């Protein structure tokens, strides 16, 4: 029978996936929203910066140790 315990490696894998795919997707959404608002003339530089930071945060997943 297989063990149903979830160890620390499973939690690390979930964290790694969220960091690798979740943050960049949110960053793309924020940048897209900033682009749409900038077409109307309301340019908010902080939204572009936040989106770029979220996309770059996706590289943090490389710091999570491997199994």
N, C-alpha and C. Protein backbone atom coordinates (compact mmCIF):
# COMPACT_ATOMS: atom_id res chain seq x y z
N UNK A 1 0.83 -1.18 0.00
CA UNK A 1 0.00 0.00 0.00
C UNK A 1 0.87 1.24 0.00
N UNK A 2 0.39 2.26 -0.68
CA UNK A 2 1.13 3.52 -0.74
C UNK A 2 0.80 4.37 0.47
N UNK A 3 1.77 5.09 0.91
CA UNK A 3 1.58 5.98 2.05
C UNK A 3 0.83 7.23 1.60
N UNK A 4 -0.11 7.67 2.40
CA UNK A 4 -0.90 8.86 2.04
C UNK A 4 -0.41 10.10 2.77
N UNK A 5 0.71 9.99 3.47
CA UNK A 5 1.25 11.14 4.16
C UNK A 5 1.83 12.13 3.16
N UNK A 6 1.59 13.41 3.42
CA UNK A 6 2.21 14.43 2.58
C UNK A 6 3.36 15.02 3.36
N UNK A 7 4.50 14.92 2.81
CA UNK A 7 5.71 15.37 3.49
C UNK A 7 6.04 16.81 3.14
N UNK A 8 7.16 17.26 3.64
CA UNK A 8 7.57 18.63 3.35
C UNK A 8 7.91 18.84 1.88
N UNK A 9 8.27 17.75 1.18
CA UNK A 9 8.59 17.89 -0.24
C UNK A 9 7.36 18.21 -1.06
N UNK A 10 6.20 17.71 -0.66
CA UNK A 10 4.97 18.02 -1.37
C UNK A 10 4.63 19.49 -1.19
N UNK A 11 4.78 19.99 0.01
CA UNK A 11 4.52 21.41 0.27
C UNK A 11 5.48 22.28 -0.53
N UNK A 12 6.74 21.89 -0.61
CA UNK A 12 7.71 22.65 -1.38
C UNK A 12 7.37 22.64 -2.86
N UNK A 13 6.86 21.52 -3.34
CA UNK A 13 6.48 21.44 -4.75
C UNK A 13 5.32 22.38 -5.05
N UNK A 14 4.34 22.44 -4.16
CA UNK A 14 3.20 23.34 -4.35
C UNK A 14 3.67 24.79 -4.33
N UNK A 15 4.54 25.12 -3.38
CA UNK A 15 5.06 26.49 -3.30
C UNK A 15 5.83 26.84 -4.57
N UNK A 16 6.63 25.89 -5.04
CA UNK A 16 7.42 26.13 -6.25
C UNK A 16 6.51 26.37 -7.46
N UNK A 17 5.45 25.60 -7.59
CA UNK A 17 4.54 25.78 -8.72
C UNK A 17 3.81 27.11 -8.65
N UNK A 18 3.40 27.50 -7.45
CA UNK A 18 2.72 28.80 -7.30
C UNK A 18 3.67 29.93 -7.65
N UNK A 19 4.91 29.84 -7.17
CA UNK A 19 5.87 30.89 -7.47
C UNK A 19 6.22 30.92 -8.95
N UNK A 20 6.31 29.75 -9.54
CA UNK A 20 6.77 29.68 -10.93
C UNK A 20 5.69 30.09 -11.93
N UNK A 21 4.42 29.74 -11.66
CA UNK A 21 3.38 30.01 -12.65
C UNK A 21 2.34 31.02 -12.18
N UNK A 22 2.04 31.05 -10.89
CA UNK A 22 0.99 31.93 -10.39
C UNK A 22 1.38 33.39 -10.43
N UNK A 23 2.54 33.72 -9.89
CA UNK A 23 2.97 35.11 -9.85
C UNK A 23 3.16 35.72 -11.24
N UNK A 24 3.80 35.03 -12.18
CA UNK A 24 3.90 35.62 -13.53
C UNK A 24 2.54 35.82 -14.20
N UNK A 25 1.61 34.92 -13.97
CA UNK A 25 0.27 35.11 -14.56
C UNK A 25 -0.42 36.33 -13.97
N UNK A 26 -0.29 36.51 -12.67
CA UNK A 26 -0.86 37.70 -12.04
C UNK A 26 -0.16 38.95 -12.56
N UNK A 27 1.16 38.87 -12.76
CA UNK A 27 1.92 40.00 -13.31
C UNK A 27 1.46 40.37 -14.70
N UNK A 28 1.19 39.37 -15.53
CA UNK A 28 0.68 39.64 -16.88
C UNK A 28 -0.69 40.31 -16.83
N UNK A 29 -1.52 39.87 -15.89
CA UNK A 29 -2.84 40.49 -15.74
C UNK A 29 -2.71 41.96 -15.32
N UNK A 30 -1.81 42.23 -14.39
CA UNK A 30 -1.62 43.61 -13.90
C UNK A 30 -1.09 44.50 -15.02
N UNK A 31 -0.13 44.01 -15.79
CA UNK A 31 0.41 44.79 -16.91
C UNK A 31 -0.66 45.01 -17.98
N UNK A 32 -1.42 43.97 -18.27
CA UNK A 32 -2.50 44.12 -19.25
C UNK A 32 -3.52 45.15 -18.81
N UNK A 33 -3.85 45.15 -17.53
CA UNK A 33 -4.80 46.13 -16.99
C UNK A 33 -4.21 47.54 -17.09
N UNK A 34 -2.91 47.67 -16.83
CA UNK A 34 -2.25 48.98 -16.92
C UNK A 34 -2.23 49.47 -18.37
N UNK A 35 -2.06 48.56 -19.31
CA UNK A 35 -2.06 48.94 -20.73
C UNK A 35 -3.44 49.43 -21.14
N UNK A 36 -4.47 48.72 -20.71
CA UNK A 36 -5.84 49.14 -21.06
C UNK A 36 -6.13 50.52 -20.47
N UNK A 37 -5.72 50.76 -19.23
CA UNK A 37 -5.96 52.07 -18.62
C UNK A 37 -5.12 53.16 -19.29
N UNK A 38 -3.92 52.81 -19.76
CA UNK A 38 -3.08 53.82 -20.39
C UNK A 38 -3.63 54.24 -21.75
N UNK A 39 -4.41 53.38 -22.38
CA UNK A 39 -5.04 53.76 -23.66
C UNK A 39 -6.02 54.89 -23.43
N UNK A 40 -6.69 54.87 -22.29
CA UNK A 40 -7.63 55.94 -21.95
C UNK A 40 -6.94 57.19 -21.44
N UNK A 41 -5.64 57.17 -21.30
CA UNK A 41 -4.88 58.34 -20.87
C UNK A 41 -4.51 58.33 -19.41
N UNK A 42 -4.91 57.32 -18.67
CA UNK A 42 -4.61 57.24 -17.24
C UNK A 42 -3.43 56.30 -17.04
N UNK A 43 -2.22 56.84 -17.25
CA UNK A 43 -1.01 56.02 -17.13
C UNK A 43 -0.59 55.98 -15.67
N UNK A 44 -0.50 54.76 -15.14
CA UNK A 44 -0.07 54.57 -13.76
C UNK A 44 1.18 53.70 -13.79
N UNK A 45 2.30 54.34 -13.58
CA UNK A 45 3.59 53.66 -13.69
C UNK A 45 3.76 52.56 -12.64
N UNK A 46 3.14 52.74 -11.48
CA UNK A 46 3.30 51.75 -10.42
C UNK A 46 2.68 50.41 -10.82
N UNK A 47 1.64 50.43 -11.66
CA UNK A 47 1.04 49.16 -12.11
C UNK A 47 2.00 48.41 -13.04
N UNK A 48 2.67 49.14 -13.91
CA UNK A 48 3.66 48.50 -14.78
C UNK A 48 4.80 47.92 -13.95
N UNK A 49 5.25 48.67 -12.95
CA UNK A 49 6.34 48.21 -12.10
C UNK A 49 5.91 46.99 -11.28
N UNK A 50 4.70 47.01 -10.74
CA UNK A 50 4.21 45.88 -9.97
C UNK A 50 4.10 44.64 -10.84
N UNK A 51 3.60 44.78 -12.05
CA UNK A 51 3.50 43.65 -12.96
C UNK A 51 4.86 43.06 -13.30
N UNK A 52 5.83 43.94 -13.53
CA UNK A 52 7.19 43.47 -13.83
C UNK A 52 7.79 42.75 -12.63
N UNK A 53 7.57 43.27 -11.43
CA UNK A 53 8.09 42.62 -10.23
C UNK A 53 7.46 41.25 -10.02
N UNK A 54 6.17 41.13 -10.29
CA UNK A 54 5.51 39.84 -10.13
C UNK A 54 6.04 38.82 -11.14
N UNK A 55 6.29 39.27 -12.35
CA UNK A 55 6.85 38.36 -13.36
C UNK A 55 8.26 37.93 -12.95
N UNK A 56 9.05 38.87 -12.47
CA UNK A 56 10.41 38.53 -12.03
C UNK A 56 10.39 37.64 -10.80
N UNK A 57 9.36 37.77 -9.98
CA UNK A 57 9.26 36.92 -8.80
C UNK A 57 9.08 35.45 -9.18
N UNK A 58 8.64 35.19 -10.40
CA UNK A 58 8.53 33.82 -10.87
C UNK A 58 9.87 33.10 -10.89
N UNK A 59 10.95 33.85 -10.99
CA UNK A 59 12.27 33.24 -10.99
C UNK A 59 12.70 32.81 -9.59
N UNK A 60 11.97 33.23 -8.58
CA UNK A 60 12.28 32.84 -7.20
C UNK A 60 12.10 31.33 -7.03
N UNK A 61 11.28 30.72 -7.85
CA UNK A 61 11.05 29.28 -7.73
C UNK A 61 12.34 28.49 -7.92
N UNK A 62 13.33 29.08 -8.54
CA UNK A 62 14.62 28.41 -8.70
C UNK A 62 15.33 28.25 -7.36
N UNK A 63 14.94 29.06 -6.37
CA UNK A 63 15.58 29.01 -5.06
C UNK A 63 15.02 27.92 -4.16
N UNK A 64 13.84 27.37 -4.53
CA UNK A 64 13.25 26.31 -3.73
C UNK A 64 14.03 25.02 -4.00
N UNK A 65 14.49 24.35 -2.95
CA UNK A 65 15.33 23.16 -3.14
C UNK A 65 14.59 22.04 -3.87
N UNK A 66 15.36 21.28 -4.62
CA UNK A 66 14.79 20.14 -5.34
C UNK A 66 14.69 18.94 -4.42
N UNK A 67 13.93 17.98 -4.87
CA UNK A 67 13.73 16.74 -4.12
C UNK A 67 14.96 15.89 -4.09
